[in-house]
Structure formats: structure tokens, C-alpha cells
Amino acid sequence: MTDYVAHEGFEIHGSLVLETEDNLEVAAHDPMALIKDVKRFDTKGVDVVVLSWSVQMPSLHAFAAVEATLGIPVTSAGACTVRAMFMQIKLEPVASAAGAILAPALRPGALR
């Protein structure tokens, strides 16, 4: 996945692969374990941390704690999917405690 994202023009500063192929195991992963996982990375100069590339892995509950720990925004495949779905059906792409990607500050037009 990092190769794909890098090919799109993003600079990858590090990654951690859990090597779990069973989607049920991925879904059972403790999202709060992500708080410990991200502490392994040097995030100096990093704009955002992607907590999970998998929509099966729960990560939303860790967003606020990771953002507070790192001092930078976090996102995930699931949060980006929610944002895109909300926008597609003409709903405000805002959800409380769901990290910067779904924060009121990122409402369409809020950054103009």
C-alpha cells in the first residue's frame, strides 16, 4: 500500500505492517494498541499519520489520543471513506471525535 501512495506523489516516512491476512483478525485488532504503535515513528516533518489502510481495522477510537500524543492530524481508510460518502450524499462531512479529517474545520468551504 505504501508503494501505491508514494506513486501518487506522497512521501512516506515509515510504515508498520501487521501482516494479518484474515479480515476477522484485522477487525478484532485493539484500536488503542495503535497509540503504542505510532510512538515507534519519528514524525518530525510529517503532515499526517494514516493509522490504518484497511477499512476492516477499527481505528476511530484511537484518533483523539494519537492526535494528542503526536500533535499532528491522523486519518484512516475508514475515516476517508466516511468523509467521501457523506459528501457524495450531500451531508456535512463532520463527526465528533473522529479526527481532523472529519472535524468541522474541514467542512467544504471552511478553509477558504
Protein backbone atom coordinates (compact mmCIF):
# COMPACT_ATOMS: atom_id res chain seq x y z
CA MET A 1 0.00 0.00 0.00
CA THR A 2 2.84 2.41 0.76
CA ASP A 3 4.18 1.96 -2.78
CA TYR A 4 0.78 2.86 -4.21
CA VAL A 5 0.51 6.01 -2.06
CA ALA A 6 4.10 7.02 -2.82
CA HIS A 7 3.36 6.58 -6.54
CA GLU A 8 0.57 9.16 -6.10
CA GLY A 9 3.19 11.70 -5.01
CA PHE A 10 3.15 11.36 -1.23
CA GLU A 11 6.34 10.96 0.76
CA ILE A 12 6.20 8.00 3.14
CA HIS A 13 8.22 8.46 6.34
CA GLY A 14 7.63 4.99 7.76
CA SER A 15 5.19 2.13 7.99
CA LEU A 16 4.26 -0.75 10.21
CA VAL A 17 2.70 -3.83 8.65
CA LEU A 18 0.78 -6.14 10.95
CA GLU A 19 0.89 -8.99 8.40
CA THR A 20 -2.64 -10.10 9.21
CA GLU A 21 -4.42 -11.60 6.21
CA ASP A 22 -7.60 -12.72 7.98
CA ASN A 23 -10.13 -9.87 7.92
CA LEU A 24 -11.75 -11.11 11.13
CA GLU A 25 -8.39 -10.85 12.90
CA VAL A 26 -7.92 -7.36 11.47
CA ALA A 27 -11.37 -6.35 12.74
CA ALA A 28 -10.54 -7.73 16.19
CA HIS A 29 -7.38 -5.59 16.49
CA ASP A 30 -7.49 -3.34 19.56
CA PRO A 31 -7.59 0.22 18.18
CA MET A 32 -5.95 1.54 21.35
CA ALA A 33 -2.85 -0.53 20.53
CA LEU A 34 -2.29 1.95 17.69
CA ILE A 35 -1.33 4.57 20.29
CA LYS A 36 1.68 2.49 21.27
CA ASP A 37 2.44 1.55 17.65
CA VAL A 38 2.77 5.14 16.41
CA LYS A 39 5.24 6.04 19.16
CA ARG A 40 7.84 3.99 17.25
CA PHE A 41 7.96 6.56 14.45
CA ASP A 42 9.84 9.81 14.15
CA THR A 43 7.07 12.11 12.96
CA LYS A 44 9.18 15.26 12.68
CA GLY A 45 8.19 16.95 9.43
CA VAL A 46 5.19 14.66 8.91
CA ASP A 47 1.89 16.31 7.96
CA VAL A 48 -0.46 13.43 8.77
CA VAL A 49 -0.36 9.86 10.06
CA VAL A 50 -2.52 7.18 8.47
CA LEU A 51 -3.48 4.87 11.34
CA SER A 52 -4.94 2.19 9.12
CA TRP A 53 -5.01 1.49 5.40
CA SER A 54 -7.73 -1.11 5.97
CA VAL A 55 -11.41 -0.31 6.37
CA GLN A 56 -11.71 -3.54 8.35
CA MET A 57 -9.34 -2.33 11.09
CA PRO A 58 -11.04 -0.26 13.76
CA SER A 59 -9.02 2.86 14.48
CA LEU A 60 -11.50 5.67 15.13
CA HIS A 61 -11.43 5.27 18.91
CA ALA A 62 -7.68 5.97 18.89
CA PHE A 63 -7.80 9.15 16.77
CA ALA A 64 -8.05 11.71 19.57
CA ALA A 65 -5.39 10.03 21.71
CA VAL A 66 -2.95 9.66 18.80
CA GLU A 67 -3.50 13.23 17.63
CA ALA A 68 -2.89 14.45 21.19
CA THR A 69 0.22 12.27 21.53
CA LEU A 70 1.76 13.23 18.18
CA GLY A 71 0.44 16.76 17.83
CA ILE A 72 -0.48 16.16 14.18
CA PRO A 73 -3.64 15.01 12.41
CA VAL A 74 -4.36 11.34 11.84
CA THR A 75 -6.66 9.61 9.40
CA SER A 76 -7.54 6.14 8.18
CA ALA A 77 -9.06 4.43 5.18
CA GLY A 78 -12.32 4.19 7.11
CA ALA A 79 -12.43 7.88 8.04
CA CYS A 80 -11.63 8.93 4.46
CA THR A 81 -14.35 6.60 3.19
CA VAL A 82 -16.87 8.13 5.61
CA ARG A 83 -15.90 11.64 4.50
CA ALA A 84 -16.29 10.75 0.82
CA MET A 85 -19.62 9.01 1.44
CA PHE A 86 -21.01 11.95 3.44
CA MET A 87 -20.01 14.37 0.70
CA GLN A 88 -21.46 12.13 -2.03
CA ILE A 89 -24.87 12.08 -0.33
CA LYS A 90 -24.68 15.82 0.39
CA LEU A 91 -24.21 15.54 4.17
CA GLU A 92 -21.74 17.62 6.16
CA PRO A 93 -18.56 15.52 6.37
CA VAL A 94 -18.32 16.10 10.12
CA ALA A 95 -18.31 13.65 13.03
CA SER A 96 -17.32 14.31 16.60
CA ALA A 97 -14.16 12.71 17.98
CA ALA A 98 -13.30 11.36 14.54
CA GLY A 99 -10.03 13.18 14.00
CA ALA A 100 -9.05 16.06 11.77
CA ILE A 101 -10.42 14.55 8.54
CA LEU A 102 -13.98 14.74 9.92
CA ALA A 103 -13.52 17.90 12.02
CA PRO A 104 -15.72 20.97 11.48
CA ALA A 105 -12.64 22.92 10.30
CA LEU A 106 -12.51 20.71 7.17
CA ARG A 107 -16.09 21.36 6.16
CA PRO A 108 -16.23 22.16 2.47
CA GLY A 109 -15.58 25.88 2.23
CA ALA A 110 -14.34 26.25 5.83
CA LEU A 111 -10.72 26.69 4.73
CA ARG A 112 -11.38 29.42 2.17
